[in-house]
Structure formats: C-alpha cells, structure tokens
C-alpha atoms as a PDB file:
ATOM      1  CA  UNK A   1       7.922   7.668  19.157  1.00  0.00           C
ATOM      2  CA  UNK A   2       6.080   5.414  21.582  1.00  0.00           C
ATOM      3  CA  UNK A   3       2.373   4.898  21.980  1.00  0.00           C
ATOM      4  CA  UNK A   4       0.536   6.592  24.817  1.00  0.00           C
ATOM      5  CA  UNK A   5      -0.690   4.381  27.679  1.00  0.00           C
ATOM      6  CA  UNK A   6      -3.817   2.547  26.696  1.00  0.00           C
ATOM      7  CA  UNK A   7      -7.028   4.317  27.718  1.00  0.00           C
ATOM      8  CA  UNK A   8      -9.693   2.412  29.706  1.00  0.00           C
ATOM      9  CA  UNK A   9     -12.010   2.588  26.662  1.00  0.00           C
ATOM     10  CA  UNK A  10      -9.392   1.140  24.336  1.00  0.00           C
ATOM     11  CA  UNK A  11      -8.451  -1.557  26.831  1.00  0.00           C
ATOM     12  CA  UNK A  12     -12.070  -2.635  27.079  1.00  0.00           C
ATOM     13  CA  UNK A  13     -12.489  -2.686  23.306  1.00  0.00           C
ATOM     14  CA  UNK A  14      -9.381  -4.790  22.714  1.00  0.00           C
ATOM     15  CA  UNK A  15     -10.289  -7.131  25.544  1.00  0.00           C
ATOM     16  CA  UNK A  16     -13.622  -7.841  23.851  1.00  0.00           C
ATOM     17  CA  UNK A  17     -12.577  -7.684  20.210  1.00  0.00           C
ATOM     18  CA  UNK A  18      -9.138  -9.260  20.256  1.00  0.00           C
ATOM     19  CA  UNK A  19      -8.864 -13.018  20.402  1.00  0.00           C
ATOM     20  CA  UNK A  20      -5.959 -15.145  21.609  1.00  0.00           C
ATOM     21  CA  UNK A  21      -2.532 -14.004  20.396  1.00  0.00           C
ATOM     22  CA  UNK A  22      -1.090 -15.900  17.447  1.00  0.00           C
ATOM     23  CA  UNK A  23       2.618 -16.526  17.780  1.00  0.00           C
ATOM     24  CA  UNK A  24       3.386 -15.561  14.189  1.00  0.00           C
ATOM     25  CA  UNK A  25       1.939 -15.154  10.735  1.00  0.00           C
ATOM     26  CA  UNK A  26       1.863 -18.385   8.732  1.00  0.00           C
ATOM     27  CA  UNK A  27       5.113 -20.133   9.706  1.00  0.00           C
ATOM     28  CA  UNK A  28       6.128 -21.697   6.396  1.00  0.00           C
ATOM     29  CA  UNK A  29       3.927 -20.584   3.479  1.00  0.00           C
ATOM     30  CA  UNK A  30       5.944 -19.511   0.428  1.00  0.00           C
ATOM     31  CA  UNK A  31       4.684 -17.164  -2.270  1.00  0.00           C
ATOM     32  CA  UNK A  32       5.504 -18.558  -5.714  1.00  0.00           C
ATOM     33  CA  UNK A  33       3.488 -17.042  -8.556  1.00  0.00           C
ATOM     34  CA  UNK A  34       2.725 -19.109 -11.661  1.00  0.00           C
ATOM     35  CA  UNK A  35       5.066 -21.803 -10.282  1.00  0.00           C
ATOM     36  CA  UNK A  36       8.074 -19.687 -11.268  1.00  0.00           C
ATOM     37  CA  UNK A  37       8.164 -16.231  -9.630  1.00  0.00           C
ATOM     38  CA  UNK A  38       9.354 -16.495  -6.022  1.00  0.00           C
ATOM     39  CA  UNK A  39       8.608 -13.475  -3.854  1.00  0.00           C
ATOM     40  CA  UNK A  40       9.959 -13.056  -0.341  1.00  0.00           C
ATOM     41  CA  UNK A  41       7.240 -12.619   2.262  1.00  0.00           C
ATOM     42  CA  UNK A  42       9.616 -12.388   5.226  1.00  0.00           C
ATOM     43  CA  UNK A  43      12.692 -10.184   5.432  1.00  0.00           C
ATOM     44  CA  UNK A  44      14.950  -8.563   8.017  1.00  0.00           C
ATOM     45  CA  UNK A  45      13.481  -5.302   9.248  1.00  0.00           C
ATOM     46  CA  UNK A  46      15.023  -2.121   7.842  1.00  0.00           C
ATOM     47  CA  UNK A  47      17.475  -0.428  10.187  1.00  0.00           C
ATOM     48  CA  UNK A  48      15.074   2.275  11.328  1.00  0.00           C
ATOM     49  CA  UNK A  49      12.512  -0.364  12.401  1.00  0.00           C
ATOM     50  CA  UNK A  50      14.756  -2.835  14.232  1.00  0.00           C
ATOM     51  CA  UNK A  51      13.792  -1.495  17.651  1.00  0.00           C
ATOM     52  CA  UNK A  52      10.205  -2.478  16.804  1.00  0.00           C
ATOM     53  CA  UNK A  53      10.466  -5.676  14.722  1.00  0.00           C
ATOM     54  CA  UNK A  54      13.300  -8.042  13.849  1.00  0.00           C
ATOM     55  CA  UNK A  55      11.430  -9.266  10.777  1.00  0.00           C
ATOM     56  CA  UNK A  56       8.885  -7.702   8.443  1.00  0.00           C
ATOM     57  CA  UNK A  57       6.089  -9.810   7.001  1.00  0.00           C
ATOM     58  CA  UNK A  58       3.921  -9.452   3.928  1.00  0.00           C
ATOM     59  CA  UNK A  59       0.195  -9.233   4.576  1.00  0.00           C
ATOM     60  CA  UNK A  60      -0.081 -12.342   2.374  1.00  0.00           C
ATOM     61  CA  UNK A  61       1.081 -14.460   5.334  1.00  0.00           C
ATOM     62  CA  UNK A  62      -1.872 -13.342   7.471  1.00  0.00           C
ATOM     63  CA  UNK A  63      -4.578 -14.381   5.020  1.00  0.00           C
ATOM     64  CA  UNK A  64      -6.475 -17.651   4.630  1.00  0.00           C
ATOM     65  CA  UNK A  65      -5.197 -20.509   2.494  1.00  0.00           C
ATOM     66  CA  UNK A  66      -7.866 -19.745  -0.112  1.00  0.00           C
ATOM     67  CA  UNK A  67      -6.921 -16.063  -0.371  1.00  0.00           C
ATOM     68  CA  UNK A  68      -3.205 -16.822  -0.567  1.00  0.00           C
ATOM     69  CA  UNK A  69      -3.850 -19.265  -3.403  1.00  0.00           C
ATOM     70  CA  UNK A  70      -5.517 -16.568  -5.524  1.00  0.00           C
ATOM     71  CA  UNK A  71      -2.316 -14.537  -5.599  1.00  0.00           C
ATOM     72  CA  UNK A  72      -0.219 -17.529  -6.604  1.00  0.00           C
ATOM     73  CA  UNK A  73      -1.709 -17.805 -10.090  1.00  0.00           C
ATOM     74  CA  UNK A  74      -2.186 -14.818 -12.381  1.00  0.00           C
ATOM     75  CA  UNK A  75      -5.044 -16.622 -14.109  1.00  0.00           C
ATOM     76  CA  UNK A  76      -6.944 -16.851 -10.808  1.00  0.00           C
ATOM     77  CA  UNK A  77      -5.853 -13.455  -9.482  1.00  0.00           C
ATOM     78  CA  UNK A  78      -8.861 -11.115  -9.943  1.00  0.00           C
ATOM     79  CA  UNK A  79      -6.584  -8.048  -9.887  1.00  0.00           C
ATOM     80  CA  UNK A  80      -5.093  -8.935 -13.280  1.00  0.00           C
ATOM     81  CA  UNK A  81      -8.274  -7.917 -15.092  1.00  0.00           C
ATOM     82  CA  UNK A  82      -7.803  -4.372 -13.777  1.00  0.00           C
ATOM     83  CA  UNK A  83      -4.134  -4.340 -14.755  1.00  0.00           C
ATOM     84  CA  UNK A  84      -5.127  -5.344 -18.297  1.00  0.00           C
ATOM     85  CA  UNK A  85      -7.577  -2.440 -18.401  1.00  0.00           C
ATOM     86  CA  UNK A  86      -4.763  -0.192 -17.218  1.00  0.00           C
ATOM     87  CA  UNK A  87      -2.613  -1.268 -20.166  1.00  0.00           C
ATOM     88  CA  UNK A  88      -5.484  -0.362 -22.504  1.00  0.00           C
ATOM     89  CA  UNK A  89      -5.616   3.106 -20.921  1.00  0.00           C
ATOM     90  CA  UNK A  90      -1.839   3.406 -21.267  1.00  0.00           C
ATOM     91  CA  UNK A  91      -2.099   2.929 -25.035  1.00  0.00           C
ATOM     92  CA  UNK A  92      -5.225   5.074 -25.551  1.00  0.00           C
ATOM     93  CA  UNK A  93      -4.847   8.657 -26.783  1.00  0.00           C
ATOM     94  CA  UNK A  94      -6.647  11.210 -24.645  1.00  0.00           C
ATOM     95  CA  UNK A  95      -6.807  14.992 -24.295  1.00  0.00           C
ATOM     96  CA  UNK A  96      -6.242  17.949 -26.567  1.00  0.00           C
ATOM     97  CA  UNK A  97      -2.709  16.874 -27.543  1.00  0.00           C
ATOM     98  CA  UNK A  98      -3.864  13.555 -28.952  1.00  0.00           C
ATOM     99  CA  UNK A  99      -1.256  11.686 -26.958  1.00  0.00           C
ATOM    100  CA  UNK A 100      -1.267   8.473 -24.949  1.00  0.00           C
ATOM    101  CA  UNK A 101       1.080   7.495 -22.138  1.00  0.00           C
ATOM    102  CA  UNK A 102       2.895   5.357 -24.703  1.00  0.00           C
ATOM    103  CA  UNK A 103       3.523   8.410 -26.897  1.00  0.00           C
ATOM    104  CA  UNK A 104       6.191   9.571 -24.438  1.00  0.00           C
ATOM    105  CA  UNK A 105       7.064   6.461 -22.432  1.00  0.00           C
ATOM    106  CA  UNK A 106       6.618   3.751 -25.107  1.00  0.00           C
ATOM    107  CA  UNK A 107       5.701   0.362 -23.625  1.00  0.00           C
ATOM    108  CA  UNK A 108       4.406   0.135 -20.088  1.00  0.00           C
ATOM    109  CA  UNK A 109       7.479  -1.981 -19.349  1.00  0.00           C
ATOM    110  CA  UNK A 110       9.297   1.371 -19.099  1.00  0.00           C
ATOM    111  CA  UNK A 111       7.584   1.790 -15.725  1.00  0.00           C
ATOM    112  CA  UNK A 112       9.709  -0.950 -14.174  1.00  0.00           C
ATOM    113  CA  UNK A 113      10.949   0.270 -10.801  1.00  0.00           C
ATOM    114  CA  UNK A 114       8.501   3.165 -10.526  1.00  0.00           C
ATOM    115  CA  UNK A 115       6.162   1.568  -7.973  1.00  0.00           C
ATOM    116  CA  UNK A 116       9.116   0.383  -5.880  1.00  0.00           C
ATOM    117  CA  UNK A 117      10.383   3.946  -5.387  1.00  0.00           C
ATOM    118  CA  UNK A 118       7.080   5.618  -4.553  1.00  0.00           C
ATOM    119  CA  UNK A 119       6.206   7.974  -3.012  1.00  0.00           C
ATOM    120  CA  UNK A 120       9.128  10.293  -3.735  1.00  0.00           C
ATOM    121  CA  UNK A 121      10.054  13.960  -3.976  1.00  0.00           C
ATOM    122  CA  UNK A 122       8.539  15.638  -7.025  1.00  0.00           C
ATOM    123  CA  UNK A 123      10.640  17.141  -9.845  1.00  0.00           C
ATOM    124  CA  UNK A 124      10.365  20.620  -8.329  1.00  0.00           C
ATOM    125  CA  UNK A 125      11.798  19.294  -5.066  1.00  0.00           C
ATOM    126  CA  UNK A 126       9.079  20.851  -2.931  1.00  0.00           C
ATOM    127  CA  UNK A 127       6.571  18.070  -2.238  1.00  0.00           C
ATOM    128  CA  UNK A 128       6.182  14.312  -1.796  1.00  0.00           C
ATOM    129  CA  UNK A 129       4.269  12.673  -4.662  1.00  0.00           C
ATOM    130  CA  UNK A 130       2.606   9.298  -5.044  1.00  0.00           C
ATOM    131  CA  UNK A 131       2.244   7.433  -8.343  1.00  0.00           C
ATOM    132  CA  UNK A 132      -1.144   9.078  -8.791  1.00  0.00           C
ATOM    133  CA  UNK A 133       0.383  12.562  -8.739  1.00  0.00           C
ATOM    134  CA  UNK A 134       2.816  11.672 -11.517  1.00  0.00           C
ATOM    135  CA  UNK A 135       0.044  10.110 -13.595  1.00  0.00           C
ATOM    136  CA  UNK A 136      -2.143  13.201 -13.330  1.00  0.00           C
ATOM    137  CA  UNK A 137       0.723  15.591 -14.086  1.00  0.00           C
ATOM    138  CA  UNK A 138       1.386  13.706 -17.312  1.00  0.00           C
ATOM    139  CA  UNK A 139      -2.305  13.819 -18.165  1.00  0.00           C
ATOM    140  CA  UNK A 140      -2.781  17.542 -17.567  1.00  0.00           C
ATOM    141  CA  UNK A 141       0.620  18.928 -18.649  1.00  0.00           C
ATOM    142  CA  UNK A 142       1.541  16.642 -21.546  1.00  0.00           C
ATOM    143  CA  UNK A 143      -1.699  15.171 -22.834  1.00  0.00           C
ATOM    144  CA  UNK A 144      -4.040  18.093 -22.254  1.00  0.00           C
ATOM    145  CA  UNK A 145      -6.421  15.663 -20.547  1.00  0.00           C
ATOM    146  CA  UNK A 146      -8.442  15.992 -17.370  1.00  0.00           C
ATOM    147  CA  UNK A 147      -6.929  14.719 -14.143  1.00  0.00           C
ATOM    148  CA  UNK A 148      -8.406  11.514 -12.809  1.00  0.00           C
ATOM    149  CA  UNK A 149      -9.816  11.396  -9.286  1.00  0.00           C
ATOM    150  CA  UNK A 150      -7.515   9.614  -6.875  1.00  0.00           C
ATOM    151  CA  UNK A 151      -9.725   6.565  -6.381  1.00  0.00           C
ATOM    152  CA  UNK A 152     -11.432   6.586  -9.777  1.00  0.00           C
ATOM    153  CA  UNK A 153     -11.625   3.299 -11.690  1.00  0.00           C
ATOM    154  CA  UNK A 154      -9.251   4.664 -14.347  1.00  0.00           C
ATOM    155  CA  UNK A 155      -6.614   5.704 -11.809  1.00  0.00           C
ATOM    156  CA  UNK A 156      -6.735   2.374 -10.004  1.00  0.00           C
ATOM    157  CA  UNK A 157      -6.498   0.499 -13.297  1.00  0.00           C
ATOM    158  CA  UNK A 158      -3.494   2.564 -14.380  1.00  0.00           C
ATOM    159  CA  UNK A 159      -1.667   2.258 -11.043  1.00  0.00           C
ATOM    160  CA  UNK A 160      -2.338  -1.486 -11.074  1.00  0.00           C
ATOM    161  CA  UNK A 161      -0.711  -1.827 -14.484  1.00  0.00           C
ATOM    162  CA  UNK A 162       2.234   0.328 -13.392  1.00  0.00           C
ATOM    163  CA  UNK A 163       2.685  -1.613 -10.141  1.00  0.00           C
ATOM    164  CA  UNK A 164       2.818  -4.912 -11.990  1.00  0.00           C
ATOM    165  CA  UNK A 165       5.963  -3.772 -13.820  1.00  0.00           C
ATOM    166  CA  UNK A 166       7.876  -3.651 -10.508  1.00  0.00           C
ATOM    167  CA  UNK A 167       6.844  -7.080  -9.281  1.00  0.00           C
ATOM    168  CA  UNK A 168       9.693  -8.639  -7.306  1.00  0.00           C
ATOM    169  CA  UNK A 169      11.673  -5.429  -6.899  1.00  0.00           C
ATOM    170  CA  UNK A 170      12.361  -4.364  -3.306  1.00  0.00           C
ATOM    171  CA  UNK A 171      10.628  -1.299  -1.944  1.00  0.00           C
ATOM    172  CA  UNK A 172      13.262   1.433  -2.144  1.00  0.00           C
ATOM    173  CA  UNK A 173      11.769   4.728  -0.965  1.00  0.00           C
ATOM    174  CA  UNK A 174      14.099   7.533   0.086  1.00  0.00           C
ATOM    175  CA  UNK A 175      13.551   8.807   3.615  1.00  0.00           C
ATOM    176  CA  UNK A 176      16.510  11.143   4.039  1.00  0.00           C
ATOM    177  CA  UNK A 177      17.424  14.488   2.483  1.00  0.00           C
ATOM    178  CA  UNK A 178      14.421  16.396   1.099  1.00  0.00           C
ATOM    179  CA  UNK A 179      12.123  13.456   1.951  1.00  0.00           C
ATOM    180  CA  UNK A 180      12.953  13.420   5.662  1.00  0.00           C
ATOM    181  CA  UNK A 181      10.408  16.024   6.843  1.00  0.00           C
ATOM    182  CA  UNK A 182       7.623  14.140   5.063  1.00  0.00           C
ATOM    183  CA  UNK A 183       8.814  10.847   6.565  1.00  0.00           C
ATOM    184  CA  UNK A 184       8.776  12.387  10.034  1.00  0.00           C
ATOM    185  CA  UNK A 185       5.267  13.741   9.425  1.00  0.00           C
ATOM    186  CA  UNK A 186       4.109  10.302   8.309  1.00  0.00           C
ATOM    187  CA  UNK A 187       5.643   8.698  11.377  1.00  0.00           C
ATOM    188  CA  UNK A 188       3.810  11.126  13.641  1.00  0.00           C
ATOM    189  CA  UNK A 189       0.505  10.312  11.920  1.00  0.00           C
ATOM    190  CA  UNK A 190       1.227   6.570  12.237  1.00  0.00           C
ATOM    191  CA  UNK A 191       1.517   6.826  16.015  1.00  0.00           C
ATOM    192  CA  UNK A 192      -1.326   9.307  16.553  1.00  0.00           C
ATOM    193  CA  UNK A 193      -4.571   7.959  17.967  1.00  0.00           C
ATOM    194  CA  UNK A 194      -7.706   8.778  15.988  1.00  0.00           C
ATOM    195  CA  UNK A 195     -11.440   8.456  16.401  1.00  0.00           C
ATOM    196  CA  UNK A 196     -13.724   7.519  19.234  1.00  0.00           C
ATOM    197  CA  UNK A 197     -11.818   4.258  19.699  1.00  0.00           C
ATOM    198  CA  UNK A 198      -8.531   6.110  20.204  1.00  0.00           C
ATOM    199  CA  UNK A 199      -6.552   3.809  17.932  1.00  0.00           C
ATOM    200  CA  UNK A 200      -3.362   4.560  16.026  1.00  0.00           C
ATOM    201  CA  UNK A 201      -2.033   2.598  13.053  1.00  0.00           C
ATOM    202  CA  UNK A 202       0.487   1.145  15.497  1.00  0.00           C
ATOM    203  CA  UNK A 203      -2.249  -0.013  17.897  1.00  0.00           C
ATOM    204  CA  UNK A 204      -3.221  -2.759  15.463  1.00  0.00           C
ATOM    205  CA  UNK A 205      -0.238  -3.257  13.162  1.00  0.00           C
ATOM    206  CA  UNK A 206       2.536  -3.012  15.754  1.00  0.00           C
ATOM    207  CA  UNK A 207       1.269  -3.641  19.295  1.00  0.00           C
ATOM    208  CA  UNK A 208      -1.314  -6.277  18.331  1.00  0.00           C
ATOM    209  CA  UNK A 209       0.210  -7.677  15.131  1.00  0.00           C
ATOM    210  CA  UNK A 210      -0.644 -11.365  14.757  1.00  0.00           C
ATOM    211  CA  UNK A 211      -3.793 -11.216  16.892  1.00  0.00           C
ATOM    212  CA  UNK A 212      -7.423 -11.443  15.861  1.00  0.00           C
ATOM    213  CA  UNK A 213      -9.714  -8.444  16.056  1.00  0.00           C
ATOM    214  CA  UNK A 214     -13.240  -9.533  15.244  1.00  0.00           C
ATOM    215  CA  UNK A 215     -12.744 -11.850  12.240  1.00  0.00           C
ATOM    216  CA  UNK A 216      -9.565 -10.183  10.978  1.00  0.00           C
ATOM    217  CA  UNK A 217      -6.041 -11.443  11.539  1.00  0.00           C
ATOM    218  CA  UNK A 218      -3.992  -8.285  12.136  1.00  0.00           C
ATOM    219  CA  UNK A 219      -0.972  -7.982   9.866  1.00  0.00           C
ATOM    220  CA  UNK A 220       1.935  -5.547  10.068  1.00  0.00           C
ATOM    221  CA  UNK A 221       0.040  -3.281   7.676  1.00  0.00           C
ATOM    222  CA  UNK A 222       2.647  -3.509   4.919  1.00  0.00           C
ATOM    223  CA  UNK A 223       1.662  -1.829   1.624  1.00  0.00           C
ATOM    224  CA  UNK A 224       4.057  -3.577  -0.769  1.00  0.00           C
ATOM    225  CA  UNK A 225       1.067  -5.404  -2.305  1.00  0.00           C
ATOM    226  CA  UNK A 226      -0.917  -2.243  -3.127  1.00  0.00           C
ATOM    227  CA  UNK A 227      -2.907  -1.432  -5.121  1.00  0.00           C
ATOM    228  CA  UNK A 228      -4.511  -4.708  -4.150  1.00  0.00           C
ATOM    229  CA  UNK A 229      -7.639  -6.647  -4.949  1.00  0.00           C
ATOM    230  CA  UNK A 230      -9.606  -6.755  -1.708  1.00  0.00           C
ATOM    231  CA  UNK A 231     -12.255  -9.448  -1.533  1.00  0.00           C
ATOM    232  CA  UNK A 232     -14.310  -7.445   0.965  1.00  0.00           C
ATOM    233  CA  UNK A 233     -14.563  -4.624  -1.595  1.00  0.00           C
ATOM    234  CA  UNK A 234     -14.806  -6.877  -4.668  1.00  0.00           C
ATOM    235  CA  UNK A 235     -12.364  -4.613  -6.463  1.00  0.00           C
ATOM    236  CA  UNK A 236      -9.045  -2.814  -6.491  1.00  0.00           C
ATOM    237  CA  UNK A 237      -8.240  -0.762  -3.400  1.00  0.00           C
ATOM    238  CA  UNK A 238      -5.609   1.991  -3.406  1.00  0.00           C
ATOM    239  CA  UNK A 239      -3.222   2.694  -0.556  1.00  0.00           C
ATOM    240  CA  UNK A 240      -5.046   5.857   0.474  1.00  0.00           C
ATOM    241  CA  UNK A 241      -8.404   4.126   0.194  1.00  0.00           C
ATOM    242  CA  UNK A 242      -7.206   1.563   2.711  1.00  0.00           C
ATOM    243  CA  UNK A 243      -5.846   4.285   4.997  1.00  0.00           C
ATOM    244  CA  UNK A 244      -9.294   5.883   4.934  1.00  0.00           C
ATOM    245  CA  UNK A 245     -10.945   2.568   5.778  1.00  0.00           C
ATOM    246  CA  UNK A 246      -8.657   2.016   8.750  1.00  0.00           C
ATOM    247  CA  UNK A 247      -9.346   5.468  10.185  1.00  0.00           C
ATOM    248  CA  UNK A 248     -13.083   5.005   9.686  1.00  0.00           C
ATOM    249  CA  UNK A 249     -12.770   1.761  11.650  1.00  0.00           C
ATOM    250  CA  UNK A 250     -11.556   3.877  14.573  1.00  0.00           C
ATOM    251  CA  UNK A 251     -14.748   5.959  14.177  1.00  0.00           C
ATOM    252  CA  UNK A 252     -12.581   8.864  13.098  1.00  0.00           C
ATOM    253  CA  UNK A 253     -12.680  11.292  10.170  1.00  0.00           C
ATOM    254  CA  UNK A 254     -10.021  10.344   7.593  1.00  0.00           C
ATOM    255  CA  UNK A 255      -7.871  12.711   5.588  1.00  0.00           C
ATOM    256  CA  UNK A 256      -8.728  13.067   1.908  1.00  0.00           C
ATOM    257  CA  UNK A 257      -7.234  10.606  -0.556  1.00  0.00           C
ATOM    258  CA  UNK A 258      -4.233  12.339  -2.095  1.00  0.00           C
ATOM    259  CA  UNK A 259      -3.903  14.767   0.816  1.00  0.00           C
ATOM    260  CA  UNK A 260      -0.451  15.831   2.059  1.00  0.00           C
ATOM    261  CA  UNK A 261      -1.114  13.872   5.255  1.00  0.00           C
ATOM    262  CA  UNK A 262      -1.845  10.596   3.463  1.00  0.00           C
ATOM    263  CA  UNK A 263       1.111  11.032   1.108  1.00  0.00           C
ATOM    264  CA  UNK A 264       3.396  11.511   4.110  1.00  0.00           C
ATOM    265  CA  UNK A 265       1.844   8.484   5.815  1.00  0.00           C
ATOM    266  CA  UNK A 266       2.323   6.462   2.622  1.00  0.00           C
ATOM    267  CA  UNK A 267       6.038   7.296   2.644  1.00  0.00           C
ATOM    268  CA  UNK A 268       6.447   6.250   6.266  1.00  0.00           C
ATOM    269  CA  UNK A 269       4.457   3.020   5.914  1.00  0.00           C
ATOM    270  CA  UNK A 270       6.331   2.135   2.710  1.00  0.00           C
ATOM    271  CA  UNK A 271       9.605   2.615   4.579  1.00  0.00           C
ATOM    272  CA  UNK A 272       8.539   0.041   7.174  1.00  0.00           C
ATOM    273  CA  UNK A 273       8.609  -2.623   4.450  1.00  0.00           C
ATOM    274  CA  UNK A 274      11.688  -1.551   2.507  1.00  0.00           C
ATOM    275  CA  UNK A 275      13.170  -5.054   2.535  1.00  0.00           C
ATOM    276  CA  UNK A 276      10.018  -6.631   1.055  1.00  0.00           C
ATOM    277  CA  UNK A 277       9.355  -6.840  -2.702  1.00  0.00           C
ATOM    278  CA  UNK A 278       6.536  -5.255  -4.654  1.00  0.00           C
ATOM    279  CA  UNK A 279       3.935  -8.026  -5.022  1.00  0.00           C
ATOM    280  CA  UNK A 280       2.033  -6.373  -7.872  1.00  0.00           C
ATOM    281  CA  UNK A 281      -0.746  -7.324  -7.567  1.00  0.00           C
ATOM    282  CA  UNK A 282      -1.764  -8.703  -4.217  1.00  0.00           C
ATOM    283  CA  UNK A 283      -5.033 -10.255  -3.080  1.00  0.00           C
ATOM    284  CA  UNK A 284      -6.300  -9.570   0.411  1.00  0.00           C
ATOM    285  CA  UNK A 285      -9.500 -10.289   2.327  1.00  0.00           C
END
C-alpha cells in the first residue's frame, strides 16, 4: 500500500521541520552489552519489506553517543531497575488463589522466547494478543487477582522483566494463517494518515527515515527494544504508549492502549523488524 500524495499542509510542515537528509543511521556503531553480549542492529529486511527497505535498523543507531552508551552496560541502563521490580512481582503471591506467576511458570527464565513471538493469536484462536493480554489472563483466571491497566507501573515492570528473558532472540511473529487478517489491519493503520498534520507512521519512519524533524533523528520505528526506557519520559514506555505519543504528535486522537487497532498495528510493526533481535531493554531519547 503506497502513501497518498503529500498535501500542501504536510509539505509545508516537513519543509520547515525537517532538516537536511542524513545518508544513514550511525554507519559503524556496534551494540555490545556488558562487553560480552553482541546484538545485531542492522539486518536484511524481511521478505515482505524488501520493496521498501533493503536493510532494517535498530532505533539504537539513530540515538546520540551518550544514549547508546547507556544501553551498553546493564549497570548504567536505567531500565534494569524496572525489570528487577518486575521479577519481584513475578515471585509475589496475589489474588484469591494465593498464587504468584512463579507458582505455575517457576522461574522467570521460563519466559525465554515469549517477547520475541508477540503479539500472537490467543489460545482460543479468535484474537491477536500482546504480552499484556497474557499477563492479565493469568492474573484474573489463575490467580484470582485484578487485571492491571495496560500502562500501569506494575504491567510495565512485568513486561520489562519478561522482555529481558528474550534478549538476543530474533523477532519471530507469525503473520500468516489466523494472524493474517490482523497483520493486514495493522498495515492499513500504518499507512493511514492521522490528525491535523495528516501524517502516517510511514510518513516519518519510511519516507523520511534518517532525517531530522525538530530535534529528533527519525528512525525506522522498530519496536524490538520495547518496552524501553525513554529519557524524555524518565521511565519505561510500552509499545502502545509510544504509538499513542506518535499519533498525538500528528494532532490526532489515538486509539486506546490495548485496543484491537493497536494490537494489530503492533503485529505489523513487529513484522517489519523480524530479522532484528529483542534488545530487552533498550534506552531511547
């Protein structure tokens, strides 16, 4: 699906807000965490994206030297505090059944590979679920506990801890079979213009990738580092929270976090980075 011709309003905005094009993200920076964990930040584009990009790039390559350095050492990475709190929640009994996550799943290490495969079709086969949906189903159905709000501190701490278990594993979402209609829905949302500025996700992360808009260096919008610690928010930001922020930047009204629309969009955006590894946990500006 191609973008519509640029409107006069959008052309004027980008002419004022977008600086000189940058040829590429950082040409040679390498992400090595704790001097031992090497994570690819460049990879061949997945087959369904090759008409758009030859190579996919982690958002890490579009950040400043100082921000990139924070992710290269777990001691300096501010996201790790939230992952530690997530592990505490994992081991804490809650709800009427007196169970913790560990009661059924044992150590949080059992979550290895979960983040890499999300979102995916739910057990009933009739919906696309994010990590948050699975967490809340366990809480309500097995623990007898209240569901957490999508962007609550507890949910972001838990998803941070879960994401960390998949660090280095390639994103491996399924986009065919039962997942295909949701993937197609997400693709349509990705290329739809929103808000008074008439911008689509693709307007920034595809057409103008590598350029500056205001003070921000536009990345490809990959989500393999999410949930991520965002310096601008001074805290953990979920995937849907970032989607909301992007749509608000277009002066549009975002979908609700956890909505069917955002879950479909999450599947499509995840599929654009299927050859990149889970960074768990990234630091962004």
